[in-house]
């Protein structure tokens, strides 16, 4: 199971590392790597805030954005069988494949298309 923690305006994926018996957080969507560790949730949030603040500061000094840029375009590879099923489902709902995928993914992540 994967968990996500919101810190400031970013989200981090949280995992437990049994080798060091600590939780590890890794920010998602940054323009580089920034991770953090702690033994419990409150410590993890605190360490994450520090890590993110430092990362943003370094990016600011270098004149670079701290977030990775996303174009909004996504290349997707499907098996021929799945492609047929997606095309069929989209047609049944009177939508293009692209519109159906956008709608379905938006529902899965709970945002409006």
N, C-alpha and C. Protein backbone atom coordinates (compact mmCIF):
# COMPACT_ATOMS: atom_id res chain seq x y z
N UNK A 1 0.84 -1.18 0.00
CA UNK A 1 0.00 0.00 0.00
C UNK A 1 0.88 1.24 0.00
N UNK A 2 0.51 2.21 -0.82
CA UNK A 2 1.26 3.44 -0.91
C UNK A 2 0.46 4.57 -0.27
N UNK A 3 1.13 5.40 0.47
CA UNK A 3 0.47 6.52 1.13
C UNK A 3 1.06 7.82 0.61
N UNK A 4 0.25 8.87 0.66
CA UNK A 4 0.68 10.19 0.20
C UNK A 4 0.45 11.18 1.33
N UNK A 5 1.44 12.06 1.53
CA UNK A 5 1.36 13.10 2.55
C UNK A 5 1.46 14.45 1.86
N UNK A 6 0.55 15.36 2.18
CA UNK A 6 0.59 16.71 1.64
C UNK A 6 1.46 17.58 2.55
N UNK A 7 2.41 18.26 1.94
CA UNK A 7 3.29 19.17 2.66
C UNK A 7 3.38 20.45 1.85
N UNK A 8 2.97 21.54 2.44
CA UNK A 8 2.93 22.82 1.75
C UNK A 8 2.08 22.65 0.50
N UNK A 9 2.60 22.96 -0.67
CA UNK A 9 1.82 22.82 -1.90
C UNK A 9 2.24 21.61 -2.71
N UNK A 10 2.87 20.65 -2.06
CA UNK A 10 3.37 19.45 -2.73
C UNK A 10 2.85 18.19 -2.04
N UNK A 11 3.00 17.09 -2.74
CA UNK A 11 2.64 15.79 -2.18
C UNK A 11 3.87 14.90 -2.21
N UNK A 12 3.94 14.02 -1.23
CA UNK A 12 5.06 13.10 -1.14
C UNK A 12 4.55 11.68 -0.96
N UNK A 13 5.19 10.76 -1.62
CA UNK A 13 4.88 9.34 -1.46
C UNK A 13 5.61 8.85 -0.22
N UNK A 14 4.89 8.13 0.64
CA UNK A 14 5.45 7.65 1.91
C UNK A 14 5.54 6.13 1.88
N UNK A 15 6.69 5.61 2.29
CA UNK A 15 6.90 4.17 2.40
C UNK A 15 7.63 3.88 3.69
N UNK A 16 7.49 2.68 4.17
CA UNK A 16 8.24 2.25 5.35
C UNK A 16 9.44 1.44 4.89
N UNK A 17 10.61 1.78 5.41
CA UNK A 17 11.85 1.06 5.07
C UNK A 17 12.22 0.17 6.25
N UNK A 18 11.96 -1.14 6.16
CA UNK A 18 12.23 -2.04 7.28
C UNK A 18 13.71 -2.19 7.60
N UNK A 19 14.58 -1.91 6.62
CA UNK A 19 16.01 -2.03 6.87
C UNK A 19 16.50 -1.01 7.89
N UNK A 20 15.96 0.18 7.84
CA UNK A 20 16.38 1.22 8.80
C UNK A 20 15.30 1.52 9.82
N UNK A 21 14.16 0.83 9.71
CA UNK A 21 13.02 1.00 10.62
C UNK A 21 12.57 2.44 10.71
N UNK A 22 12.43 3.06 9.53
CA UNK A 22 11.97 4.44 9.46
C UNK A 22 11.04 4.60 8.26
N UNK A 23 10.26 5.67 8.30
CA UNK A 23 9.43 6.03 7.16
C UNK A 23 10.25 6.92 6.24
N UNK A 24 10.04 6.77 4.93
CA UNK A 24 10.74 7.58 3.94
C UNK A 24 9.69 8.29 3.09
N UNK A 25 9.90 9.58 2.91
CA UNK A 25 9.04 10.37 2.04
C UNK A 25 9.82 10.84 0.83
N UNK A 26 9.18 10.83 -0.32
CA UNK A 26 9.80 11.32 -1.55
C UNK A 26 8.78 12.20 -2.27
N UNK A 27 9.14 13.44 -2.53
CA UNK A 27 8.22 14.37 -3.17
C UNK A 27 7.95 13.97 -4.61
N UNK A 28 6.73 14.20 -5.02
CA UNK A 28 6.26 13.85 -6.36
C UNK A 28 6.20 15.13 -7.20
N UNK A 29 6.73 15.09 -8.41
CA UNK A 29 6.59 16.20 -9.34
C UNK A 29 7.56 17.33 -9.17
N UNK A 30 8.63 17.12 -8.40
CA UNK A 30 9.63 18.17 -8.26
C UNK A 30 10.62 18.10 -9.41
N UNK A 31 11.32 19.19 -9.63
CA UNK A 31 12.32 19.30 -10.68
C UNK A 31 13.67 18.76 -10.18
N UNK A 32 13.63 17.67 -9.46
CA UNK A 32 14.82 17.05 -8.88
C UNK A 32 14.39 16.19 -7.71
N UNK A 33 15.35 15.61 -7.03
CA UNK A 33 15.02 14.71 -5.93
C UNK A 33 15.08 15.39 -4.57
N UNK A 34 14.11 15.12 -3.74
CA UNK A 34 14.09 15.62 -2.37
C UNK A 34 13.35 14.58 -1.53
N UNK A 35 14.09 13.90 -0.67
CA UNK A 35 13.44 12.91 0.18
C UNK A 35 13.74 13.21 1.65
N UNK A 36 13.07 12.49 2.54
CA UNK A 36 13.20 12.76 3.96
C UNK A 36 12.80 11.51 4.74
N UNK A 37 13.30 11.40 5.97
CA UNK A 37 13.09 10.21 6.80
C UNK A 37 12.69 10.61 8.22
N UNK A 38 11.91 9.74 8.87
CA UNK A 38 11.57 9.93 10.28
C UNK A 38 10.96 8.64 10.81
N UNK A 39 10.90 8.53 12.13
CA UNK A 39 10.38 7.33 12.78
C UNK A 39 8.86 7.33 12.91
N UNK A 40 8.22 8.52 12.82
CA UNK A 40 6.76 8.58 12.97
C UNK A 40 6.19 9.67 12.06
N UNK A 41 4.86 9.72 11.99
CA UNK A 41 4.18 10.63 11.06
C UNK A 41 4.47 12.10 11.36
N UNK A 42 4.45 12.50 12.62
CA UNK A 42 4.68 13.92 12.92
C UNK A 42 6.12 14.30 12.61
N UNK A 43 7.06 13.42 12.90
CA UNK A 43 8.45 13.67 12.56
C UNK A 43 8.65 13.72 11.06
N UNK A 44 7.93 12.87 10.36
CA UNK A 44 8.04 12.82 8.91
C UNK A 44 7.54 14.12 8.29
N UNK A 45 6.43 14.63 8.79
CA UNK A 45 5.90 15.90 8.27
C UNK A 45 6.90 17.03 8.53
N UNK A 46 7.46 17.06 9.73
CA UNK A 46 8.45 18.09 10.09
C UNK A 46 9.67 18.01 9.18
N UNK A 47 10.21 16.82 9.00
CA UNK A 47 11.38 16.64 8.15
C UNK A 47 11.05 16.97 6.70
N UNK A 48 9.84 16.63 6.26
CA UNK A 48 9.42 16.96 4.90
C UNK A 48 9.35 18.45 4.67
N UNK A 49 8.85 19.19 5.66
CA UNK A 49 8.77 20.65 5.55
C UNK A 49 10.17 21.25 5.39
N UNK A 50 11.11 20.73 6.17
CA UNK A 50 12.49 21.22 6.09
C UNK A 50 13.10 20.90 4.73
N UNK A 51 12.92 19.65 4.29
CA UNK A 51 13.48 19.21 3.01
C UNK A 51 12.92 20.03 1.85
N UNK A 52 11.61 20.25 1.85
CA UNK A 52 10.97 21.01 0.78
C UNK A 52 11.43 22.47 0.78
N UNK A 53 11.53 23.05 1.97
CA UNK A 53 11.98 24.44 2.08
C UNK A 53 13.40 24.59 1.52
N UNK A 54 14.28 23.64 1.86
CA UNK A 54 15.65 23.68 1.36
C UNK A 54 15.68 23.50 -0.16
N UNK A 55 14.88 22.56 -0.67
CA UNK A 55 14.85 22.31 -2.10
C UNK A 55 14.36 23.53 -2.86
N UNK A 56 13.29 24.15 -2.37
CA UNK A 56 12.77 25.36 -3.01
C UNK A 56 13.81 26.48 -3.00
N UNK A 57 14.53 26.61 -1.88
CA UNK A 57 15.56 27.64 -1.77
C UNK A 57 16.69 27.44 -2.77
N UNK A 58 17.13 26.21 -2.94
CA UNK A 58 18.18 25.90 -3.91
C UNK A 58 17.71 26.22 -5.32
N UNK A 59 16.48 25.84 -5.63
CA UNK A 59 15.92 26.13 -6.96
C UNK A 59 15.83 27.63 -7.19
N UNK A 60 15.40 28.36 -6.17
CA UNK A 60 15.29 29.82 -6.27
C UNK A 60 16.67 30.43 -6.55
N UNK A 61 17.71 29.95 -5.84
CA UNK A 61 19.07 30.46 -6.04
C UNK A 61 19.56 30.20 -7.46
N UNK A 62 19.18 29.06 -8.02
CA UNK A 62 19.61 28.69 -9.37
C UNK A 62 18.71 29.29 -10.45
N UNK A 63 17.61 29.95 -10.02
CA UNK A 63 16.68 30.54 -10.97
C UNK A 63 15.88 29.51 -11.74
N UNK A 64 15.65 28.36 -11.13
CA UNK A 64 14.89 27.29 -11.77
C UNK A 64 13.59 27.05 -11.02
N UNK A 65 12.54 26.62 -11.73
CA UNK A 65 11.30 26.28 -11.04
C UNK A 65 11.50 25.02 -10.20
N UNK A 66 10.81 24.94 -9.07
CA UNK A 66 10.97 23.76 -8.22
C UNK A 66 10.10 22.60 -8.68
N UNK A 67 9.09 22.90 -9.48
CA UNK A 67 8.20 21.84 -9.99
C UNK A 67 8.62 21.42 -11.39
N UNK A 68 8.46 20.16 -11.66
CA UNK A 68 8.66 19.64 -13.01
C UNK A 68 7.52 20.15 -13.89
N UNK A 69 7.82 20.45 -15.12
CA UNK A 69 6.79 20.90 -16.04
C UNK A 69 6.09 19.71 -16.70
N UNK A 70 4.81 19.82 -16.87
CA UNK A 70 4.01 18.80 -17.55
C UNK A 70 3.29 19.46 -18.72
N UNK A 71 3.36 18.83 -19.88
CA UNK A 71 2.77 19.40 -21.10
C UNK A 71 1.27 19.19 -21.18
N UNK A 72 0.75 18.19 -20.50
CA UNK A 72 -0.65 17.85 -20.64
C UNK A 72 -0.87 16.78 -21.70
N UNK A 73 0.21 16.40 -22.37
CA UNK A 73 0.13 15.31 -23.35
C UNK A 73 0.72 14.06 -22.72
N UNK A 74 0.08 12.94 -23.00
CA UNK A 74 0.51 11.68 -22.42
C UNK A 74 0.46 10.60 -23.49
N UNK A 75 1.57 9.95 -23.73
CA UNK A 75 1.59 8.84 -24.68
C UNK A 75 1.28 7.58 -23.89
N UNK A 76 0.33 6.82 -24.39
CA UNK A 76 -0.17 5.66 -23.66
C UNK A 76 -0.08 4.43 -24.54
N UNK A 77 0.50 3.36 -24.02
CA UNK A 77 0.59 2.11 -24.76
C UNK A 77 -0.37 1.10 -24.15
N UNK A 78 -1.20 0.53 -24.99
CA UNK A 78 -2.18 -0.47 -24.56
C UNK A 78 -2.00 -1.72 -25.42
N UNK A 79 -2.40 -2.84 -24.88
CA UNK A 79 -2.44 -4.04 -25.71
C UNK A 79 -3.55 -3.84 -26.75
N UNK A 80 -3.48 -4.51 -27.89
CA UNK A 80 -4.55 -4.37 -28.89
C UNK A 80 -5.92 -4.72 -28.32
N UNK A 81 -5.96 -5.72 -27.45
CA UNK A 81 -7.24 -6.13 -26.85
C UNK A 81 -7.82 -5.03 -25.96
N UNK A 82 -6.96 -4.43 -25.14
CA UNK A 82 -7.43 -3.35 -24.27
C UNK A 82 -7.81 -2.13 -25.10
N UNK A 83 -7.05 -1.83 -26.14
CA UNK A 83 -7.36 -0.70 -27.02
C UNK A 83 -8.77 -0.86 -27.60
N UNK A 84 -9.10 -2.07 -28.05
CA UNK A 84 -10.42 -2.35 -28.59
C UNK A 84 -11.50 -2.14 -27.53
N UNK A 85 -11.26 -2.61 -26.31
CA UNK A 85 -12.24 -2.44 -25.24
C UNK A 85 -12.44 -0.97 -24.90
N UNK A 86 -11.36 -0.19 -24.87
CA UNK A 86 -11.45 1.25 -24.59
C UNK A 86 -12.24 1.94 -25.71
N UNK A 87 -11.92 1.61 -26.95
CA UNK A 87 -12.64 2.21 -28.09
C UNK A 87 -14.12 1.86 -28.04
N UNK A 88 -14.43 0.63 -27.67
CA UNK A 88 -15.82 0.19 -27.58
C UNK A 88 -16.56 0.94 -26.49
N UNK A 89 -15.93 1.03 -25.30
CA UNK A 89 -16.56 1.72 -24.17
C UNK A 89 -16.78 3.20 -24.50
N UNK A 90 -15.78 3.84 -25.12
CA UNK A 90 -15.92 5.26 -25.49
C UNK A 90 -17.07 5.43 -26.48
N UNK A 91 -17.15 4.56 -27.47
CA UNK A 91 -18.23 4.65 -28.47
C UNK A 91 -19.59 4.44 -27.83
N UNK A 92 -19.68 3.51 -26.89
CA UNK A 92 -20.95 3.26 -26.19
C UNK A 92 -21.42 4.50 -25.46
N UNK A 93 -20.46 5.30 -24.97
CA UNK A 93 -20.81 6.51 -24.22
C UNK A 93 -20.81 7.75 -25.12
N UNK A 94 -20.65 7.55 -26.43
CA UNK A 94 -20.72 8.67 -27.38
C UNK A 94 -19.56 9.64 -27.25
N UNK A 95 -18.38 9.14 -26.86
CA UNK A 95 -17.21 9.99 -26.66
C UNK A 95 -16.05 9.51 -27.52
N UNK A 96 -15.11 10.42 -27.76
CA UNK A 96 -13.86 10.01 -28.39
C UNK A 96 -13.06 9.21 -27.36
N UNK A 97 -12.09 8.46 -27.83
CA UNK A 97 -11.23 7.70 -26.90
C UNK A 97 -10.55 8.67 -25.94
N UNK A 98 -10.01 9.77 -26.46
CA UNK A 98 -9.32 10.74 -25.61
C UNK A 98 -10.25 11.29 -24.52
N UNK A 99 -11.45 11.72 -24.93
CA UNK A 99 -12.39 12.29 -23.95
C UNK A 99 -12.78 11.25 -22.91
N UNK A 100 -12.99 10.00 -23.33
CA UNK A 100 -13.36 8.94 -22.39
C UNK A 100 -12.23 8.68 -21.39
N UNK A 101 -10.98 8.63 -21.89
CA UNK A 101 -9.84 8.39 -21.00
C UNK A 101 -9.69 9.54 -20.01
N UNK A 102 -9.80 10.78 -20.50
CA UNK A 102 -9.69 11.95 -19.60
C UNK A 102 -10.77 11.89 -18.52
N UNK A 103 -12.00 11.58 -18.91
CA UNK A 103 -13.10 11.49 -17.94
C UNK A 103 -12.85 10.37 -16.92
N UNK A 104 -12.43 9.23 -17.41
CA UNK A 104 -12.21 8.07 -16.54
C UNK A 104 -11.05 8.32 -15.57
N UNK A 105 -9.96 8.87 -16.06
CA UNK A 105 -8.81 9.17 -15.20
C UNK A 105 -9.18 10.27 -14.20
N UNK A 106 -9.92 11.28 -14.63
CA UNK A 106 -10.35 12.36 -13.72
C UNK A 106 -11.18 11.80 -12.57
N UNK A 107 -12.08 10.87 -12.88
CA UNK A 107 -12.89 10.23 -11.82
C UNK A 107 -12.00 9.43 -10.88
N UNK A 108 -11.00 8.75 -11.43
CA UNK A 108 -10.11 7.93 -10.61
C UNK A 108 -9.29 8.76 -9.63
N UNK A 109 -8.93 9.97 -10.01
CA UNK A 109 -8.14 10.83 -9.12
C UNK A 109 -9.00 11.92 -8.47
N UNK A 110 -10.31 11.85 -8.69
CA UNK A 110 -11.29 12.74 -8.05
C UNK A 110 -11.08 14.22 -8.37
N UNK A 111 -10.92 14.54 -9.66
CA UNK A 111 -10.89 15.96 -10.07
C UNK A 111 -11.80 16.12 -11.27
N UNK A 112 -12.18 17.35 -11.57
CA UNK A 112 -13.03 17.63 -12.73
C UNK A 112 -12.19 17.65 -13.99
N UNK A 113 -12.70 17.06 -15.09
CA UNK A 113 -11.92 17.09 -16.35
C UNK A 113 -11.80 18.49 -16.93
